Amino acid sequence: MTFYKNRGKFQGLSIKIGIGFSKLRLTPNMWTGLSLIPVMIAVYYLLYQNFLAAAILFIISSFLDLVDGSVARVTGRVSKLGAYLDTVVDRYVEGIIIFGLLFAGLPGFYLPASAWIFLFFFGGLMTTYVKAAAKEKDLTGGRELKGGLLERAERLIILFVGILLAIWQPLYLTYVLVVLAVLTNFTAVQRMIIATKMRKR
């Protein structure tokens, strides 16, 4: 299910995007920063339960996140700083949209919606932290820890679908958040197991 196993299939599209947007003369890091603007505006629309506008802005932000890497590759401007900034801004984008959901007036499902939002946020945080901690503690012998049921791309796609479903019924978005809350934390545990197995090799 994870996209990192199939990234090669999207290289052609990435190159076309990079060539097209590189003509605008913006640096990859500028594109990275621009991805924050639509998602911040999306929070405003979430406040008023305008889920269609929020979803459109969310997908624009996600697309801009694709643009920065594509432009960097086709212009030969890939750098460690750019990769670092991209990773940090990715987390801000995800955090901002989740923050906005807290004020969207979503109905609860056994627990208040805010509880499911927190569990989703925490699960996504732990999925990333487990990877970083494994590298910091040299548990994986310098190899990058990948895998698990939901990586960032899958999380954001499912969340986008949930926001779209909320156009018809906000409770559907709550259901999606419940699923994300469970699966993100499950993914964090999966990654812990993967790190442990990598240590044994």
Protein backbone atom coordinates (compact mmCIF):
# COMPACT_ATOMS: atom_id res chain seq x y z
CA MET A 1 0.00 0.00 0.00
CA THR A 2 2.83 2.42 0.78
CA PHE A 3 3.82 4.79 -2.00
CA TYR A 4 7.55 4.62 -1.37
CA LYS A 5 7.60 1.14 -2.94
CA ASN A 6 6.05 2.53 -6.12
CA ARG A 7 7.74 5.90 -6.44
CA GLY A 8 9.53 4.85 -9.62
CA LYS A 9 6.20 4.70 -11.44
CA PHE A 10 5.64 8.42 -10.83
CA GLN A 11 9.07 9.64 -11.93
CA GLY A 12 7.88 10.53 -15.42
CA LEU A 13 5.08 12.70 -14.06
CA SER A 14 7.44 14.27 -11.53
CA ILE A 15 9.87 15.23 -14.31
CA LYS A 16 7.09 16.87 -16.36
CA ILE A 17 5.91 18.81 -13.31
CA GLY A 18 9.45 19.90 -12.54
CA ILE A 19 10.11 21.08 -16.10
CA GLY A 20 6.85 23.03 -16.21
CA PHE A 21 7.14 24.77 -12.86
CA SER A 22 10.87 25.45 -13.14
CA LYS A 23 9.98 28.00 -15.84
CA LEU A 24 8.48 30.21 -13.12
CA ARG A 25 11.99 30.84 -11.79
CA LEU A 26 11.14 30.06 -8.16
CA THR A 27 13.66 28.07 -6.16
CA PRO A 28 12.67 24.67 -4.73
CA ASN A 29 12.78 26.14 -1.21
CA MET A 30 10.37 28.89 -2.28
CA TRP A 31 7.93 26.25 -3.50
CA THR A 32 8.33 24.50 -0.15
CA GLY A 33 7.40 27.67 1.72
CA LEU A 34 4.46 28.38 -0.59
CA SER A 35 2.85 25.08 0.37
CA LEU A 36 2.07 26.57 3.79
CA ILE A 37 -0.16 29.32 2.41
CA PRO A 38 -3.09 27.25 1.04
CA VAL A 39 -3.26 25.04 4.11
CA MET A 40 -3.41 28.06 6.42
CA ILE A 41 -6.29 29.47 4.39
CA ALA A 42 -7.95 26.03 4.55
CA VAL A 43 -8.12 26.39 8.35
CA TYR A 44 -10.32 29.46 7.89
CA TYR A 45 -12.79 27.47 5.78
CA LEU A 46 -12.80 24.60 8.26
CA LEU A 47 -13.97 27.06 10.93
CA TYR A 48 -17.12 27.61 8.89
CA GLN A 49 -17.47 23.99 7.78
CA ASN A 50 -16.83 24.90 4.16
CA PHE A 51 -15.30 21.50 3.55
CA LEU A 52 -15.17 21.82 -0.24
CA ALA A 53 -13.00 24.93 -0.15
CA ALA A 54 -10.85 23.41 2.59
CA ALA A 55 -10.34 20.23 0.56
CA ILE A 56 -9.37 22.17 -2.57
CA LEU A 57 -6.82 24.26 -0.66
CA PHE A 58 -5.49 21.16 1.07
CA ILE A 59 -4.88 19.40 -2.23
CA ILE A 60 -3.22 22.53 -3.65
CA SER A 61 -0.85 22.56 -0.68
CA SER A 62 -0.07 18.87 -1.19
CA PHE A 63 0.56 19.48 -4.90
CA LEU A 64 3.01 22.30 -4.12
CA ASP A 65 4.84 19.85 -1.87
CA LEU A 66 5.30 17.67 -4.95
CA VAL A 67 6.44 20.64 -7.03
CA ASP A 68 9.39 21.58 -4.82
CA GLY A 69 11.07 18.19 -5.12
CA SER A 70 10.31 17.94 -8.83
CA VAL A 71 11.81 21.36 -9.54
CA ALA A 72 14.87 20.53 -7.42
CA ARG A 73 15.53 17.35 -9.39
CA VAL A 74 15.13 18.75 -12.92
CA THR A 75 17.20 21.86 -12.15
CA GLY A 76 19.95 19.98 -10.32
CA ARG A 77 19.30 21.89 -7.10
CA VAL A 78 18.72 18.94 -4.80
CA SER A 79 20.38 19.68 -1.46
CA LYS A 80 20.45 18.45 2.11
CA LEU A 81 19.09 21.80 3.28
CA GLY A 82 16.21 21.57 0.83
CA ALA A 83 15.39 18.03 1.93
CA TYR A 84 15.51 19.15 5.56
CA LEU A 85 13.23 22.14 4.98
CA ASP A 86 10.83 20.01 2.96
CA THR A 87 10.54 17.47 5.78
CA VAL A 88 9.96 20.16 8.41
CA VAL A 89 7.38 22.05 6.33
CA ASP A 90 5.61 18.75 5.55
CA ARG A 91 5.02 18.30 9.27
CA TYR A 92 3.77 21.87 9.62
CA VAL A 93 1.31 21.37 6.76
CA GLU A 94 -0.02 18.23 8.38
CA GLY A 95 -0.16 19.86 11.81
CA ILE A 96 -1.94 22.98 10.55
CA ILE A 97 -4.74 21.04 8.84
CA ILE A 98 -5.20 18.84 11.90
CA PHE A 99 -5.29 21.96 14.09
CA GLY A 100 -8.03 23.34 11.87
CA LEU A 101 -10.09 20.19 12.34
CA LEU A 102 -10.28 20.94 16.07
CA PHE A 103 -12.46 23.95 15.28
CA ALA A 104 -14.60 22.38 12.55
CA GLY A 105 -17.39 21.44 14.95
CA LEU A 106 -17.25 17.75 14.10
CA PRO A 107 -19.62 15.37 15.90
CA GLY A 108 -18.21 12.78 18.27
CA PHE A 109 -18.20 9.02 17.91
CA TYR A 110 -18.03 7.32 21.32
CA LEU A 111 -15.32 9.88 22.13
CA PRO A 112 -15.35 13.60 21.32
CA ALA A 113 -14.01 14.37 17.84
CA SER A 114 -11.12 16.26 19.45
CA ALA A 115 -9.96 13.02 21.10
CA TRP A 116 -9.81 11.22 17.75
CA ILE A 117 -8.03 14.20 16.20
CA PHE A 118 -5.42 14.11 18.96
CA LEU A 119 -4.93 10.35 18.60
CA PHE A 120 -4.51 10.78 14.84
CA PHE A 121 -1.99 13.57 15.34
CA PHE A 122 -0.10 11.58 17.96
CA GLY A 123 -0.04 8.48 15.75
CA GLY A 124 1.39 10.45 12.85
CA LEU A 125 3.92 12.05 15.17
CA MET A 126 5.01 8.70 16.56
CA THR A 127 5.28 7.18 13.09
CA THR A 128 7.83 9.87 12.23
CA TYR A 129 9.53 9.81 15.64
CA VAL A 130 10.04 6.04 15.64
CA LYS A 131 11.92 6.44 12.35
CA ALA A 132 14.03 9.34 13.62
CA ALA A 133 14.76 7.62 16.94
CA ALA A 134 15.90 4.42 15.23
CA LYS A 135 18.39 6.44 13.20
CA GLU A 136 19.53 8.52 16.17
CA LYS A 137 20.17 5.45 18.31
CA ASP A 138 21.87 3.70 15.37
CA LEU A 139 19.44 0.83 15.70
CA THR A 140 19.23 0.27 11.95
CA GLY A 141 22.93 0.41 11.14
CA GLY A 142 22.63 3.57 9.08
CA ARG A 143 19.80 2.20 6.94
CA GLU A 144 16.64 4.26 6.57
CA LEU A 145 13.62 2.87 8.37
CA LYS A 146 10.71 2.63 5.94
CA GLY A 147 7.47 0.76 5.71
CA GLY A 148 4.37 0.33 7.79
CA LEU A 149 0.74 0.53 6.79
CA LEU A 150 0.37 4.33 6.54
CA GLU A 151 3.15 6.69 5.58
CA ARG A 152 2.56 10.43 5.25
CA ALA A 153 1.20 10.25 1.69
CA GLU A 154 -1.40 7.66 2.62
CA ARG A 155 -2.41 9.61 5.73
CA LEU A 156 -2.98 12.78 3.76
CA ILE A 157 -4.90 11.04 0.97
CA ILE A 158 -7.26 9.39 3.46
CA LEU A 159 -7.70 12.67 5.33
CA PHE A 160 -8.45 14.47 2.05
CA VAL A 161 -11.14 11.90 1.26
CA GLY A 162 -12.58 12.40 4.74
CA ILE A 163 -12.78 16.17 4.26
CA LEU A 164 -14.56 15.62 0.95
CA LEU A 165 -17.03 13.23 2.60
CA ALA A 166 -17.76 15.90 5.21
CA ILE A 167 -19.36 17.99 2.47
CA TRP A 168 -22.33 15.59 2.67
CA GLN A 169 -22.10 14.61 6.33
CA PRO A 170 -19.51 15.86 8.90
CA LEU A 171 -19.89 12.60 10.82
CA TYR A 172 -18.21 10.80 7.90
CA LEU A 173 -15.06 12.84 8.54
CA THR A 174 -15.20 11.77 12.18
CA TYR A 175 -15.35 8.14 11.07
CA VAL A 176 -12.29 8.71 8.89
CA LEU A 177 -10.46 10.29 11.81
CA VAL A 178 -11.25 7.23 13.94
CA VAL A 179 -9.72 5.00 11.25
CA LEU A 180 -6.67 7.26 10.98
CA ALA A 181 -6.25 7.38 14.76
CA VAL A 182 -6.12 3.59 14.90
CA LEU A 183 -4.02 2.98 11.80
CA THR A 184 -1.38 5.66 12.44
CA ASN A 185 -0.66 4.27 15.89
CA PHE A 186 -0.65 0.75 14.44
CA THR A 187 1.90 1.95 11.86
CA ALA A 188 4.11 3.35 14.63
CA VAL A 189 4.10 -0.07 16.32
CA GLN A 190 4.84 -1.72 12.96
CA ARG A 191 7.88 0.50 12.53
CA MET A 192 9.11 -0.36 16.00
CA ILE A 193 8.93 -4.02 15.04
CA ILE A 194 10.71 -3.35 11.73
CA ALA A 195 13.48 -1.46 13.56
CA THR A 196 13.89 -4.36 15.97
CA LYS A 197 14.18 -6.84 13.11
CA MET A 198 16.69 -4.65 11.29
CA ARG A 199 18.84 -4.62 14.43
CA LYS A 200 19.01 -8.41 14.40
CA ARG A 201 20.44 -8.53 10.86
